């Protein structure tokens, strides 16, 4: 059942992300990936609000937590999950690990994109 809950939430989040991207393109053009920036920042803000509420203010069933965080926000942006992981490491006092996680995630993700693009370019004749 948890997979269905996440699946439904991710569909909603993905559709929302698509809407933000289309709206950004219409309003601001293609010169800067503003839609992605908005999605990442907004998704991280919402993840903080939701995770903070569940942690400090209210109880919620695991199914609701999955639907909102892993589902909707995971479909909206995985950057929100990355941001939460980094913040939790920092709040636990694992500052070195948090810095390593952030720098490693950014560097290795960019490297992964570069390698993937290069592999496709080199494979295309």
PDB file of N, CA and C in Angstrom:
ATOM      1  N   UNK A   1       0.812  -1.198   0.000  1.00  0.00           N
ATOM      2  CA  UNK A   1       0.000   0.000   0.000  1.00  0.00           C
ATOM      3  C   UNK A   1       0.859   1.267   0.000  1.00  0.00           C
ATOM      4  N   UNK A   2       2.019   1.203   0.687  1.00  0.00           N
ATOM      5  CA  UNK A   2       2.872   2.391   0.747  1.00  0.00           C
ATOM      6  C   UNK A   2       3.371   2.792  -0.644  1.00  0.00           C
ATOM      7  N   UNK A   3       3.603   1.821  -1.518  1.00  0.00           N
ATOM      8  CA  UNK A   3       4.054   2.142  -2.871  1.00  0.00           C
ATOM      9  C   UNK A   3       2.983   2.902  -3.643  1.00  0.00           C
ATOM     10  N   UNK A   4       1.743   2.522  -3.446  1.00  0.00           N
ATOM     11  CA  UNK A   4       0.636   3.208  -4.119  1.00  0.00           C
ATOM     12  C   UNK A   4       0.510   4.648  -3.617  1.00  0.00           C
ATOM     13  N   UNK A   5       0.655   4.833  -2.326  1.00  0.00           N
ATOM     14  CA  UNK A   5       0.586   6.176  -1.738  1.00  0.00           C
ATOM     15  C   UNK A   5       1.685   7.067  -2.308  1.00  0.00           C
ATOM     16  N   UNK A   6       2.905   6.553  -2.355  1.00  0.00           N
ATOM     17  CA  UNK A   6       4.037   7.318  -2.901  1.00  0.00           C
ATOM     18  C   UNK A   6       3.828   7.570  -4.389  1.00  0.00           C
ATOM     19  N   UNK A   7       3.365   6.574  -5.110  1.00  0.00           N
ATOM     20  CA  UNK A   7       3.108   6.692  -6.543  1.00  0.00           C
ATOM     21  C   UNK A   7       2.114   7.810  -6.844  1.00  0.00           C
ATOM     22  N   UNK A   8       1.031   7.845  -6.105  1.00  0.00           N
ATOM     23  CA  UNK A   8       0.014   8.874  -6.323  1.00  0.00           C
ATOM     24  C   UNK A   8       0.554  10.262  -5.990  1.00  0.00           C
ATOM     25  N   UNK A   9       1.266  10.377  -4.877  1.00  0.00           N
ATOM     26  CA  UNK A   9       1.848  11.662  -4.501  1.00  0.00           C
ATOM     27  C   UNK A   9       2.885  12.139  -5.501  1.00  0.00           C
ATOM     28  N   UNK A  10       3.711  11.219  -5.977  1.00  0.00           N
ATOM     29  CA  UNK A  10       4.753  11.595  -6.940  1.00  0.00           C
ATOM     30  C   UNK A  10       4.141  12.086  -8.249  1.00  0.00           C
ATOM     31  N   UNK A  11       3.035  11.513  -8.646  1.00  0.00           N
ATOM     32  CA  UNK A  11       2.341  11.988  -9.849  1.00  0.00           C
ATOM     33  C   UNK A  11       1.861  13.417  -9.683  1.00  0.00           C
ATOM     34  N   UNK A  12       1.311  13.714  -8.523  1.00  0.00           N
ATOM     35  CA  UNK A  12       0.860  15.080  -8.241  1.00  0.00           C
ATOM     36  C   UNK A  12       2.059  16.026  -8.225  1.00  0.00           C
ATOM     37  N   UNK A  13       3.123  15.635  -7.533  1.00  0.00           N
ATOM     38  CA  UNK A  13       4.316  16.476  -7.461  1.00  0.00           C
ATOM     39  C   UNK A  13       4.954  16.718  -8.812  1.00  0.00           C
ATOM     40  N   UNK A  14       5.020  15.679  -9.632  1.00  0.00           N
ATOM     41  CA  UNK A  14       5.582  15.826 -10.969  1.00  0.00           C
ATOM     42  C   UNK A  14       4.757  16.756 -11.842  1.00  0.00           C
ATOM     43  N   UNK A  15       3.435  16.650 -11.729  1.00  0.00           N
ATOM     44  CA  UNK A  15       2.557  17.543 -12.494  1.00  0.00           C
ATOM     45  C   UNK A  15       2.716  18.989 -12.021  1.00  0.00           C
ATOM     46  N   UNK A  16       2.860  19.186 -10.719  1.00  0.00           N
ATOM     47  CA  UNK A  16       3.089  20.532 -10.189  1.00  0.00           C
ATOM     48  C   UNK A  16       4.417  21.108 -10.693  1.00  0.00           C
ATOM     49  N   UNK A  17       5.463  20.272 -10.678  1.00  0.00           N
ATOM     50  CA  UNK A  17       6.770  20.718 -11.174  1.00  0.00           C
ATOM     51  C   UNK A  17       6.670  21.124 -12.643  1.00  0.00           C
ATOM     52  N   UNK A  18       5.980  20.338 -13.423  1.00  0.00           N
ATOM     53  CA  UNK A  18       5.813  20.644 -14.846  1.00  0.00           C
ATOM     54  C   UNK A  18       5.091  21.976 -15.017  1.00  0.00           C
ATOM     55  N   UNK A  19       4.076  22.204 -14.203  1.00  0.00           N
ATOM     56  CA  UNK A  19       3.348  23.470 -14.270  1.00  0.00           C
ATOM     57  C   UNK A  19       4.220  24.663 -13.929  1.00  0.00           C
ATOM     58  N   UNK A  20       5.049  24.530 -12.900  1.00  0.00           N
ATOM     59  CA  UNK A  20       5.969  25.622 -12.534  1.00  0.00           C
ATOM     60  C   UNK A  20       6.956  25.872 -13.667  1.00  0.00           C
ATOM     61  N   UNK A  21       7.492  24.819 -14.237  1.00  0.00           N
ATOM     62  CA  UNK A  21       8.453  24.975 -15.339  1.00  0.00           C
ATOM     63  C   UNK A  21       7.814  25.656 -16.551  1.00  0.00           C
ATOM     64  N   UNK A  22       6.610  25.238 -16.919  1.00  0.00           N
ATOM     65  CA  UNK A  22       5.927  25.860 -18.056  1.00  0.00           C
ATOM     66  C   UNK A  22       5.611  27.327 -17.774  1.00  0.00           C
ATOM     67  N   UNK A  23       5.120  27.604 -16.577  1.00  0.00           N
ATOM     68  CA  UNK A  23       4.814  28.983 -16.208  1.00  0.00           C
ATOM     69  C   UNK A  23       6.048  29.862 -16.224  1.00  0.00           C
ATOM     70  N   UNK A  24       7.147  29.338 -15.732  1.00  0.00           N
ATOM     71  CA  UNK A  24       8.407  30.084 -15.722  1.00  0.00           C
ATOM     72  C   UNK A  24       8.883  30.378 -17.139  1.00  0.00           C
ATOM     73  N   UNK A  25       8.781  29.392 -18.014  1.00  0.00           N
ATOM     74  CA  UNK A  25       9.183  29.604 -19.409  1.00  0.00           C
ATOM     75  C   UNK A  25       8.334  30.676 -20.072  1.00  0.00           C
ATOM     76  N   UNK A  26       7.043  30.643 -19.826  1.00  0.00           N
ATOM     77  CA  UNK A  26       6.144  31.636 -20.429  1.00  0.00           C
ATOM     78  C   UNK A  26       6.409  33.037 -19.894  1.00  0.00           C
ATOM     79  N   UNK A  27       6.666  33.127 -18.590  1.00  0.00           N
ATOM     80  CA  UNK A  27       6.846  34.443 -17.968  1.00  0.00           C
ATOM     81  C   UNK A  27       8.247  35.025 -18.168  1.00  0.00           C
ATOM     82  N   UNK A  28       9.265  34.169 -18.116  1.00  0.00           N
ATOM     83  CA  UNK A  28      10.637  34.669 -18.072  1.00  0.00           C
ATOM     84  C   UNK A  28      11.534  34.191 -19.206  1.00  0.00           C
ATOM     85  N   UNK A  29      11.047  33.290 -20.037  1.00  0.00           N
ATOM     86  CA  UNK A  29      11.850  32.795 -21.150  1.00  0.00           C
ATOM     87  C   UNK A  29      12.807  31.696 -20.737  1.00  0.00           C
ATOM     88  N   UNK A  30      13.716  31.370 -21.672  1.00  0.00           N
ATOM     89  CA  UNK A  30      14.598  30.226 -21.496  1.00  0.00           C
ATOM     90  C   UNK A  30      16.015  30.591 -21.068  1.00  0.00           C
ATOM     91  N   UNK A  31      16.285  31.850 -20.793  1.00  0.00           N
ATOM     92  CA  UNK A  31      17.647  32.278 -20.521  1.00  0.00           C
ATOM     93  C   UNK A  31      18.264  31.729 -19.251  1.00  0.00           C
ATOM     94  N   UNK A  32      17.451  31.418 -18.257  1.00  0.00           N
ATOM     95  CA  UNK A  32      17.937  30.931 -16.970  1.00  0.00           C
ATOM     96  C   UNK A  32      16.936  29.909 -16.453  1.00  0.00           C
ATOM     97  N   UNK A  33      17.396  28.796 -15.852  1.00  0.00           N
ATOM     98  CA  UNK A  33      16.459  27.757 -15.384  1.00  0.00           C
ATOM     99  C   UNK A  33      15.725  28.171 -14.104  1.00  0.00           C
ATOM    100  N   UNK A  34      14.980  29.257 -14.191  1.00  0.00           N
ATOM    101  CA  UNK A  34      14.287  29.802 -13.033  1.00  0.00           C
ATOM    102  C   UNK A  34      13.251  28.828 -12.482  1.00  0.00           C
ATOM    103  N   UNK A  35      12.579  28.106 -13.363  1.00  0.00           N
ATOM    104  CA  UNK A  35      11.578  27.134 -12.910  1.00  0.00           C
ATOM    105  C   UNK A  35      12.191  26.084 -12.009  1.00  0.00           C
ATOM    106  N   UNK A  36      13.343  25.560 -12.387  1.00  0.00           N
ATOM    107  CA  UNK A  36      14.024  24.562 -11.567  1.00  0.00           C
ATOM    108  C   UNK A  36      14.475  25.165 -10.247  1.00  0.00           C
ATOM    109  N   UNK A  37      14.992  26.376 -10.295  1.00  0.00           N
ATOM    110  CA  UNK A  37      15.407  27.048  -9.064  1.00  0.00           C
ATOM    111  C   UNK A  37      14.223  27.235  -8.121  1.00  0.00           C
ATOM    112  N   UNK A  38      13.103  27.699  -8.650  1.00  0.00           N
ATOM    113  CA  UNK A  38      11.901  27.896  -7.838  1.00  0.00           C
ATOM    114  C   UNK A  38      11.444  26.575  -7.246  1.00  0.00           C
ATOM    115  N   UNK A  39      11.410  25.534  -8.055  1.00  0.00           N
ATOM    116  CA  UNK A  39      10.979  24.217  -7.590  1.00  0.00           C
ATOM    117  C   UNK A  39      11.892  23.730  -6.466  1.00  0.00           C
ATOM    118  N   UNK A  40      13.198  23.856  -6.642  1.00  0.00           N
ATOM    119  CA  UNK A  40      14.131  23.374  -5.626  1.00  0.00           C
ATOM    120  C   UNK A  40      14.012  24.148  -4.322  1.00  0.00           C
ATOM    121  N   UNK A  41      13.927  25.456  -4.402  1.00  0.00           N
ATOM    122  CA  UNK A  41      13.827  26.276  -3.188  1.00  0.00           C
ATOM    123  C   UNK A  41      12.471  26.080  -2.517  1.00  0.00           C
ATOM    124  N   UNK A  42      11.408  26.125  -3.290  1.00  0.00           N
ATOM    125  CA  UNK A  42      10.072  25.937  -2.737  1.00  0.00           C
ATOM    126  C   UNK A  42       9.916  24.530  -2.155  1.00  0.00           C
ATOM    127  N   UNK A  43      10.399  23.537  -2.871  1.00  0.00           N
ATOM    128  CA  UNK A  43      10.327  22.160  -2.371  1.00  0.00           C
ATOM    129  C   UNK A  43      11.087  21.990  -1.065  1.00  0.00           C
ATOM    130  N   UNK A  44      12.247  22.624  -0.961  1.00  0.00           N
ATOM    131  CA  UNK A  44      13.024  22.546   0.277  1.00  0.00           C
ATOM    132  C   UNK A  44      12.313  23.267   1.416  1.00  0.00           C
ATOM    133  N   UNK A  45      11.728  24.418   1.128  1.00  0.00           N
ATOM    134  CA  UNK A  45      10.969  25.140   2.149  1.00  0.00           C
ATOM    135  C   UNK A  45       9.795  24.299   2.638  1.00  0.00           C
ATOM    136  N   UNK A  46       9.046  23.732   1.706  1.00  0.00           N
ATOM    137  CA  UNK A  46       7.906  22.905   2.082  1.00  0.00           C
ATOM    138  C   UNK A  46       8.344  21.663   2.855  1.00  0.00           C
ATOM    139  N   UNK A  47       9.466  21.052   2.468  1.00  0.00           N
ATOM    140  CA  UNK A  47       9.978  19.886   3.190  1.00  0.00           C
ATOM    141  C   UNK A  47      10.320  20.275   4.620  1.00  0.00           C
ATOM    142  N   UNK A  48      10.943  21.439   4.792  1.00  0.00           N
ATOM    143  CA  UNK A  48      11.264  21.902   6.140  1.00  0.00           C
ATOM    144  C   UNK A  48      10.025  22.143   6.972  1.00  0.00           C
ATOM    145  N   UNK A  49       9.021  22.773   6.375  1.00  0.00           N
ATOM    146  CA  UNK A  49       7.775  23.037   7.089  1.00  0.00           C
ATOM    147  C   UNK A  49       7.071  21.738   7.481  1.00  0.00           C
ATOM    148  N   UNK A  50       6.977  20.812   6.549  1.00  0.00           N
ATOM    149  CA  UNK A  50       6.268  19.559   6.807  1.00  0.00           C
ATOM    150  C   UNK A  50       7.042  18.696   7.804  1.00  0.00           C
ATOM    151  N   UNK A  51       8.337  18.529   7.577  1.00  0.00           N
ATOM    152  CA  UNK A  51       9.144  17.705   8.489  1.00  0.00           C
ATOM    153  C   UNK A  51       9.178  18.334   9.881  1.00  0.00           C
ATOM    154  N   UNK A  52       9.298  19.657   9.943  1.00  0.00           N
ATOM    155  CA  UNK A  52       9.296  20.340  11.226  1.00  0.00           C
ATOM    156  C   UNK A  52       7.973  20.185  11.951  1.00  0.00           C
ATOM    157  N   UNK A  53       6.885  20.301  11.232  1.00  0.00           N
ATOM    158  CA  UNK A  53       5.571  20.134  11.839  1.00  0.00           C
ATOM    159  C   UNK A  53       5.424  18.725  12.404  1.00  0.00           C
ATOM    160  N   UNK A  54       5.770  17.724  11.602  1.00  0.00           N
ATOM    161  CA  UNK A  54       5.638  16.351  12.071  1.00  0.00           C
ATOM    162  C   UNK A  54       6.560  16.077  13.267  1.00  0.00           C
ATOM    163  N   UNK A  55       7.749  16.669  13.257  1.00  0.00           N
ATOM    164  CA  UNK A  55       8.713  16.414  14.327  1.00  0.00           C
ATOM    165  C   UNK A  55       8.367  17.148  15.617  1.00  0.00           C
ATOM    166  N   UNK A  56       7.855  18.374  15.517  1.00  0.00           N
ATOM    167  CA  UNK A  56       7.714  19.209  16.703  1.00  0.00           C
ATOM    168  C   UNK A  56       6.287  19.545  17.111  1.00  0.00           C
ATOM    169  N   UNK A  57       5.354  19.466  16.185  1.00  0.00           N
ATOM    170  CA  UNK A  57       4.010  19.964  16.479  1.00  0.00           C
ATOM    171  C   UNK A  57       2.916  18.906  16.459  1.00  0.00           C
ATOM    172  N   UNK A  58       2.994  17.967  15.568  1.00  0.00           N
ATOM    173  CA  UNK A  58       1.851  17.076  15.439  1.00  0.00           C
ATOM    174  C   UNK A  58       2.205  15.685  14.984  1.00  0.00           C
ATOM    175  N   UNK A  59       1.372  14.795  15.377  1.00  0.00           N
ATOM    176  CA  UNK A  59       1.498  13.414  14.936  1.00  0.00           C
ATOM    177  C   UNK A  59       0.707  13.232  13.643  1.00  0.00           C
ATOM    178  N   UNK A  60       1.205  12.370  12.813  1.00  0.00           N
ATOM    179  CA  UNK A  60       0.502  12.060  11.573  1.00  0.00           C
ATOM    180  C   UNK A  60       0.792  10.604  11.228  1.00  0.00           C
ATOM    181  N   UNK A  61      -0.152   9.957  10.605  1.00  0.00           N
ATOM    182  CA  UNK A  61       0.097   8.575  10.203  1.00  0.00           C
ATOM    183  C   UNK A  61       1.231   8.506   9.179  1.00  0.00           C
ATOM    184  N   UNK A  62       1.943   7.406   9.194  1.00  0.00           N
ATOM    185  CA  UNK A  62       3.058   7.214   8.265  1.00  0.00           C
ATOM    186  C   UNK A  62       2.599   7.356   6.815  1.00  0.00           C
ATOM    187  N   UNK A  63       1.384   6.951   6.523  1.00  0.00           N
ATOM    188  CA  UNK A  63       0.887   7.056   5.151  1.00  0.00           C
ATOM    189  C   UNK A  63       0.802   8.517   4.709  1.00  0.00           C
ATOM    190  N   UNK A  64       0.405   9.423   5.587  1.00  0.00           N
ATOM    191  CA  UNK A  64       0.347  10.849   5.241  1.00  0.00           C
ATOM    192  C   UNK A  64       1.748  11.416   5.060  1.00  0.00           C
ATOM    193  N   UNK A  65       2.655  11.019   5.931  1.00  0.00           N
ATOM    194  CA  UNK A  65       4.052  11.467   5.798  1.00  0.00           C
ATOM    195  C   UNK A  65       4.637  11.023   4.463  1.00  0.00           C
ATOM    196  N   UNK A  66       4.425   9.766   4.108  1.00  0.00           N
ATOM    197  CA  UNK A  66       4.912   9.246   2.828  1.00  0.00           C
ATOM    198  C   UNK A  66       4.288   9.988   1.649  1.00  0.00           C
ATOM    199  N   UNK A  67       2.986  10.203   1.715  1.00  0.00           N
ATOM    200  CA  UNK A  67       2.285  10.876   0.626  1.00  0.00           C
ATOM    201  C   UNK A  67       2.829  12.282   0.401  1.00  0.00           C
ATOM    202  N   UNK A  68       3.010  13.039   1.479  1.00  0.00           N
ATOM    203  CA  UNK A  68       3.447  14.430   1.356  1.00  0.00           C
ATOM    204  C   UNK A  68       4.938  14.564   1.041  1.00  0.00           C
ATOM    205  N   UNK A  69       5.783  13.816   1.760  1.00  0.00           N
ATOM    206  CA  UNK A  69       7.234  14.023   1.613  1.00  0.00           C
ATOM    207  C   UNK A  69       7.819  13.190   0.473  1.00  0.00           C
ATOM    208  N   UNK A  70       7.788  11.883   0.595  1.00  0.00           N
ATOM    209  CA  UNK A  70       8.359  11.031  -0.449  1.00  0.00           C
ATOM    210  C   UNK A  70       7.553  11.127  -1.735  1.00  0.00           C
ATOM    211  N   UNK A  71       6.241  11.242  -1.609  1.00  0.00           N
ATOM    212  CA  UNK A  71       5.369  11.309  -2.779  1.00  0.00           C
ATOM    213  C   UNK A  71       5.360  12.671  -3.434  1.00  0.00           C
ATOM    214  N   UNK A  72       4.565  13.590  -2.898  1.00  0.00           N
ATOM    215  CA  UNK A  72       4.390  14.893  -3.557  1.00  0.00           C
ATOM    216  C   UNK A  72       5.711  15.649  -3.674  1.00  0.00           C
ATOM    217  N   UNK A  73       6.423  15.834  -2.554  1.00  0.00           N
ATOM    218  CA  UNK A  73       7.664  16.602  -2.643  1.00  0.00           C
ATOM    219  C   UNK A  73       8.764  15.842  -3.374  1.00  0.00           C
ATOM    220  N   UNK A  74       8.770  14.520  -3.263  1.00  0.00           N
ATOM    221  CA  UNK A  74       9.728  13.727  -4.033  1.00  0.00           C
ATOM    222  C   UNK A  74       9.478  13.837  -5.527  1.00  0.00           C
ATOM    223  N   UNK A  75       8.209  13.904  -5.915  1.00  0.00           N
ATOM    224  CA  UNK A  75       7.870  14.101  -7.322  1.00  0.00           C
ATOM    225  C   UNK A  75       8.097  15.534  -7.769  1.00  0.00           C
ATOM    226  N   UNK A  76       7.902  16.460  -6.843  1.00  0.00           N
ATOM    227  CA  UNK A  76       8.101  17.878  -7.144  1.00  0.00           C
ATOM    228  C   UNK A  76       9.588  18.178  -7.305  1.00  0.00           C
ATOM    229  N   UNK A  77      10.395  17.681  -6.389  1.00  0.00           N
ATOM    230  CA  UNK A  77      11.843  17.861  -6.455  1.00  0.00           C
ATOM    231  C   UNK A  77      12.542  16.939  -5.486  1.00  0.00           C
ATOM    232  N   UNK A  78      13.524  16.198  -5.962  1.00  0.00           N
ATOM    233  CA  UNK A  78      14.316  15.392  -5.037  1.00  0.00           C
ATOM    234  C   UNK A  78      15.306  16.264  -4.285  1.00  0.00           C
ATOM    235  N   UNK A  79      15.456  17.488  -4.698  1.00  0.00           N
ATOM    236  CA  UNK A  79      16.341  18.423  -4.001  1.00  0.00           C
ATOM    237  C   UNK A  79      15.861  18.652  -2.575  1.00  0.00           C
ATOM    238  N   UNK A  80      14.560  18.560  -2.369  1.00  0.00           N
ATOM    239  CA  UNK A  80      14.029  18.749  -1.021  1.00  0.00           C
ATOM    240  C   UNK A  80      14.493  17.624  -0.093  1.00  0.00           C
ATOM    241  N   UNK A  81      14.546  16.397  -0.590  1.00  0.00           N
ATOM    242  CA  UNK A  81      15.038  15.285   0.220  1.00  0.00           C
ATOM    243  C   UNK A  81      16.532  15.458   0.519  1.00  0.00           C
ATOM    244  N   UNK A  82      17.290  15.880  -0.462  1.00  0.00           N
ATOM    245  CA  UNK A  82      18.713  16.172  -0.272  1.00  0.00           C
ATOM    246  C   UNK A  82      18.895  17.246   0.798  1.00  0.00           C
ATOM    247  N   UNK A  83      18.102  18.302   0.726  1.00  0.00           N
ATOM    248  CA  UNK A  83      18.204  19.394   1.688  1.00  0.00           C
ATOM    249  C   UNK A  83      17.869  18.921   3.096  1.00  0.00           C
ATOM    250  N   UNK A  84      16.844  18.088   3.229  1.00  0.00           N
ATOM    251  CA  UNK A  84      16.473  17.563   4.539  1.00  0.00           C
ATOM    252  C   UNK A  84      17.584  16.687   5.099  1.00  0.00           C
ATOM    253  N   UNK A  85      18.149  15.822   4.277  1.00  0.00           N
ATOM    254  CA  UNK A  85      19.246  14.969   4.741  1.00  0.00           C
ATOM    255  C   UNK A  85      20.424  15.798   5.243  1.00  0.00           C
ATOM    256  N   UNK A  86      20.784  16.833   4.492  1.00  0.00           N
ATOM    257  CA  UNK A  86      21.895  17.697   4.890  1.00  0.00           C
ATOM    258  C   UNK A  86      21.574  18.424   6.198  1.00  0.00           C
ATOM    259  N   UNK A  87      20.356  18.927   6.322  1.00  0.00           N
ATOM    260  CA  UNK A  87      19.956  19.640   7.538  1.00  0.00           C
ATOM    261  C   UNK A  87      19.938  18.712   8.750  1.00  0.00           C
ATOM    262  N   UNK A  88      19.482  17.490   8.574  1.00  0.00           N
ATOM    263  CA  UNK A  88      19.451  16.539   9.684  1.00  0.00           C
ATOM    264  C   UNK A  88      20.860  16.185  10.143  1.00  0.00           C
ATOM    265  N   UNK A  89      21.784  15.997   9.200  1.00  0.00           N
ATOM    266  CA  UNK A  89      23.176  15.748   9.575  1.00  0.00           C
ATOM    267  C   UNK A  89      23.722  16.924  10.387  1.00  0.00           C
ATOM    268  N   UNK A  90      23.454  18.125   9.935  1.00  0.00           N
ATOM    269  CA  UNK A  90      23.916  19.329  10.631  1.00  0.00           C
ATOM    270  C   UNK A  90      23.310  19.415  12.035  1.00  0.00           C
ATOM    271  N   UNK A  91      21.997  19.191  12.131  1.00  0.00           N
ATOM    272  CA  UNK A  91      21.323  19.284  13.429  1.00  0.00           C
ATOM    273  C   UNK A  91      21.773  18.205  14.400  1.00  0.00           C
ATOM    274  N   UNK A  92      22.237  17.075  13.894  1.00  0.00           N
ATOM    275  CA  UNK A  92      22.765  16.012  14.756  1.00  0.00           C
ATOM    276  C   UNK A  92      24.190  16.311  15.211  1.00  0.00           C
ATOM    277  N   UNK A  93      24.737  17.412  14.733  1.00  0.00           N
ATOM    278  CA  UNK A  93      26.099  17.771  15.107  1.00  0.00           C
ATOM    279  C   UNK A  93      27.162  17.168  14.212  1.00  0.00           C
ATOM    280  N   UNK A  94      26.745  16.490  13.159  1.00  0.00           N
ATOM    281  CA  UNK A  94      27.683  15.877  12.219  1.00  0.00           C
ATOM    282  C   UNK A  94      27.995  16.881  11.113  1.00  0.00           C
ATOM    283  N   UNK A  95      28.591  17.989  11.496  1.00  0.00           N
ATOM    284  CA  UNK A  95      28.816  19.096  10.558  1.00  0.00           C
ATOM    285  C   UNK A  95      29.772  18.686   9.441  1.00  0.00           C
ATOM    286  N   UNK A  96      30.824  17.973   9.781  1.00  0.00           N
ATOM    287  CA  UNK A  96      31.761  17.498   8.760  1.00  0.00           C
ATOM    288  C   UNK A  96      31.073  16.590   7.755  1.00  0.00           C
ATOM    289  N   UNK A  97      30.245  15.693   8.249  1.00  0.00           N
ATOM    290  CA  UNK A  97      29.506  14.803   7.350  1.00  0.00           C
ATOM    291  C   UNK A  97      28.523  15.591   6.496  1.00  0.00           C
ATOM    292  N   UNK A  98      27.888  16.603   7.092  1.00  0.00           N
ATOM    293  CA  UNK A  98      26.942  17.427   6.334  1.00  0.00           C
ATOM    294  C   UNK A  98      27.651  18.133   5.190  1.00  0.00           C
ATOM    295  N   UNK A  99      28.810  18.726   5.475  1.00  0.00           N
ATOM    296  CA  UNK A  99      29.580  19.422   4.437  1.00  0.00           C
ATOM    297  C   UNK A  99      30.023  18.437   3.363  1.00  0.00           C
ATOM    298  N   UNK A 100      30.530  17.283   3.784  1.00  0.00           N
ATOM    299  CA  UNK A 100      30.961  16.260   2.827  1.00  0.00           C
ATOM    300  C   UNK A 100      29.783  15.791   1.968  1.00  0.00           C
ATOM    301  N   UNK A 101      28.634  15.611   2.599  1.00  0.00           N
ATOM    302  CA  UNK A 101      27.437  15.178   1.875  1.00  0.00           C
ATOM    303  C   UNK A 101      27.022  16.213   0.837  1.00  0.00           C
ATOM    304  N   UNK A 102      26.988  17.482   1.228  1.00  0.00           N
ATOM    305  CA  UNK A 102      26.568  18.541   0.306  1.00  0.00           C
ATOM    306  C   UNK A 102      27.555  18.669  -0.849  1.00  0.00           C
ATOM    307  N   UNK A 103      28.823  18.804  -0.517  1.00  0.00           N
ATOM    308  CA  UNK A 103      29.830  18.966  -1.583  1.00  0.00           C
ATOM    309  C   UNK A 103      29.917  17.721  -2.457  1.00  0.00           C
ATOM    310  N   UNK A 104      29.894  16.557  -1.816  1.00  0.00           N
ATOM    311  CA  UNK A 104      29.953  15.309  -2.580  1.00  0.00           C
ATOM    312  C   UNK A 104      28.741  15.132  -3.477  1.00  0.00           C
ATOM    313  N   UNK A 105      27.566  15.454  -2.965  1.00  0.00           N
ATOM    314  CA  UNK A 105      26.345  15.313  -3.767  1.00  0.00           C
ATOM    315  C   UNK A 105      26.364  16.221  -4.982  1.00  0.00           C
ATOM    316  N   UNK A 106      26.735  17.476  -4.757  1.00  0.00           N
ATOM    317  CA  UNK A 106      26.767  18.426  -5.876  1.00  0.00           C
ATOM    318  C   UNK A 106      27.834  18.019  -6.882  1.00  0.00           C
ATOM    319  N   UNK A 107      29.043  17.780  -6.410  1.00  0.00           N
ATOM    320  CA  UNK A 107      30.141  17.435  -7.322  1.00  0.00           C
ATOM    321  C   UNK A 107      29.860  16.131  -8.071  1.00  0.00           C
ATOM    322  N   UNK A 108      29.482  15.084  -7.334  1.00  0.00           N
ATOM    323  CA  UNK A 108      29.268  13.788  -7.983  1.00  0.00           C
ATOM    324  C   UNK A 108      28.053  13.798  -8.907  1.00  0.00           C
ATOM    325  N   UNK A 109      27.025  14.561  -8.548  1.00  0.00           N
ATOM    326  CA  UNK A 109      25.862  14.663  -9.442  1.00  0.00           C
ATOM    327  C   UNK A 109      26.227  15.380 -10.736  1.00  0.00           C
ATOM    328  N   UNK A 110      26.988  16.462 -10.620  1.00  0.00           N
ATOM    329  CA  UNK A 110      27.444  17.166 -11.830  1.00  0.00           C
ATOM    330  C   UNK A 110      28.372  16.280 -12.656  1.00  0.00           C
ATOM    331  N   UNK A 111      29.238  15.540 -11.985  1.00  0.00           N
ATOM    332  CA  UNK A 111      30.119  14.606 -12.681  1.00  0.00           C
ATOM    333  C   UNK A 111      29.294  13.530 -13.389  1.00  0.00           C
ATOM    334  N   UNK A 112      28.271  13.023 -12.700  1.00  0.00           N
ATOM    335  CA  UNK A 112      27.403  12.013 -13.317  1.00  0.00           C
ATOM    336  C   UNK A 112      26.716  12.533 -14.572  1.00  0.00           C
ATOM    337  N   UNK A 113      26.207  13.746 -14.507  1.00  0.00           N
ATOM    338  CA  UNK A 113      25.580  14.357 -15.683  1.00  0.00           C
ATOM    339  C   UNK A 113      26.601  14.488 -16.809  1.00  0.00           C
ATOM    340  N   UNK A 114      27.786  14.997 -16.480  1.00  0.00           N
ATOM    341  CA  UNK A 114      28.829  15.188 -17.496  1.00  0.00           C
ATOM    342  C   UNK A 114      29.221  13.861 -18.126  1.00  0.00           C
ATOM    343  N   UNK A 115      29.409  12.825 -17.317  1.00  0.00           N
ATOM    344  CA  UNK A 115      29.781  11.511 -17.850  1.00  0.00           C
ATOM    345  C   UNK A 115      28.674  10.913 -18.706  1.00  0.00           C
ATOM    346  N   UNK A 116      27.431  11.073 -18.254  1.00  0.00           N
ATOM    347  CA  UNK A 116      26.307  10.570 -19.046  1.00  0.00           C
ATOM    348  C   UNK A 116      26.197  11.262 -20.392  1.00  0.00           C
ATOM    349  N   UNK A 117      26.331  12.592 -20.383  1.00  0.00           N
ATOM    350  CA  UNK A 117      26.288  13.339 -21.645  1.00  0.00           C
ATOM    351  C   UNK A 117      27.449  12.955 -22.551  1.00  0.00           C
ATOM    352  N   UNK A 118      28.632  12.820 -21.964  1.00  0.00           N
ATOM    353  CA  UNK A 118      29.814  12.449 -22.752  1.00  0.00           C
ATOM    354  C   UNK A 118      29.656  11.053 -23.347  1.00  0.00           C
ATOM    355  N   UNK A 119      29.129  10.126 -22.559  1.00  0.00           N
ATOM    356  CA  UNK A 119      28.945   8.758 -23.058  1.00  0.00           C
ATOM    357  C   UNK A 119      27.995   8.731 -24.245  1.00  0.00           C
ATOM    358  N   UNK A 120      26.944   9.512 -24.185  1.00  0.00           N
ATOM    359  CA  UNK A 120      26.001   9.567 -25.299  1.00  0.00           C
ATOM    360  C   UNK A 120      26.658  10.240 -26.503  1.00  0.00           C
ATOM    361  N   UNK A 121      27.368  11.355 -26.270  1.00  0.00           N
ATOM    362  CA  UNK A 121      28.042  12.041 -27.382  1.00  0.00           C
ATOM    363  C   UNK A 121      29.052  11.126 -28.056  1.00  0.00           C
ATOM    364  N   UNK A 122      29.846  10.426 -27.274  1.00  0.00           N
ATOM    365  CA  UNK A 122      30.884   9.550 -27.831  1.00  0.00           C
ATOM    366  C   UNK A 122      30.280   8.347 -28.533  1.00  0.00           C
ATOM    367  N   UNK A 123      29.094   7.912 -28.064  1.00  0.00           N
ATOM    368  CA  UNK A 123      28.459   6.752 -28.664  1.00  0.00           C
ATOM    369  C   UNK A 123      27.706   7.082 -29.941  1.00  0.00           C
ATOM    370  N   UNK A 124      27.390   8.370 -30.154  1.00  0.00           N
ATOM    371  CA  UNK A 124      26.653   8.778 -31.335  1.00  0.00           C
ATOM    372  C   UNK A 124      27.626   8.952 -32.500  1.00  0.00           C
ATOM    373  N   UNK A 125      27.359   8.320 -33.604  1.00  0.00           N
ATOM    374  CA  UNK A 125      28.251   8.395 -34.777  1.00  0.00           C
ATOM    375  C   UNK A 125      27.645   9.249 -35.840  1.00  0.00           C
TER     376      UNK A 125
END
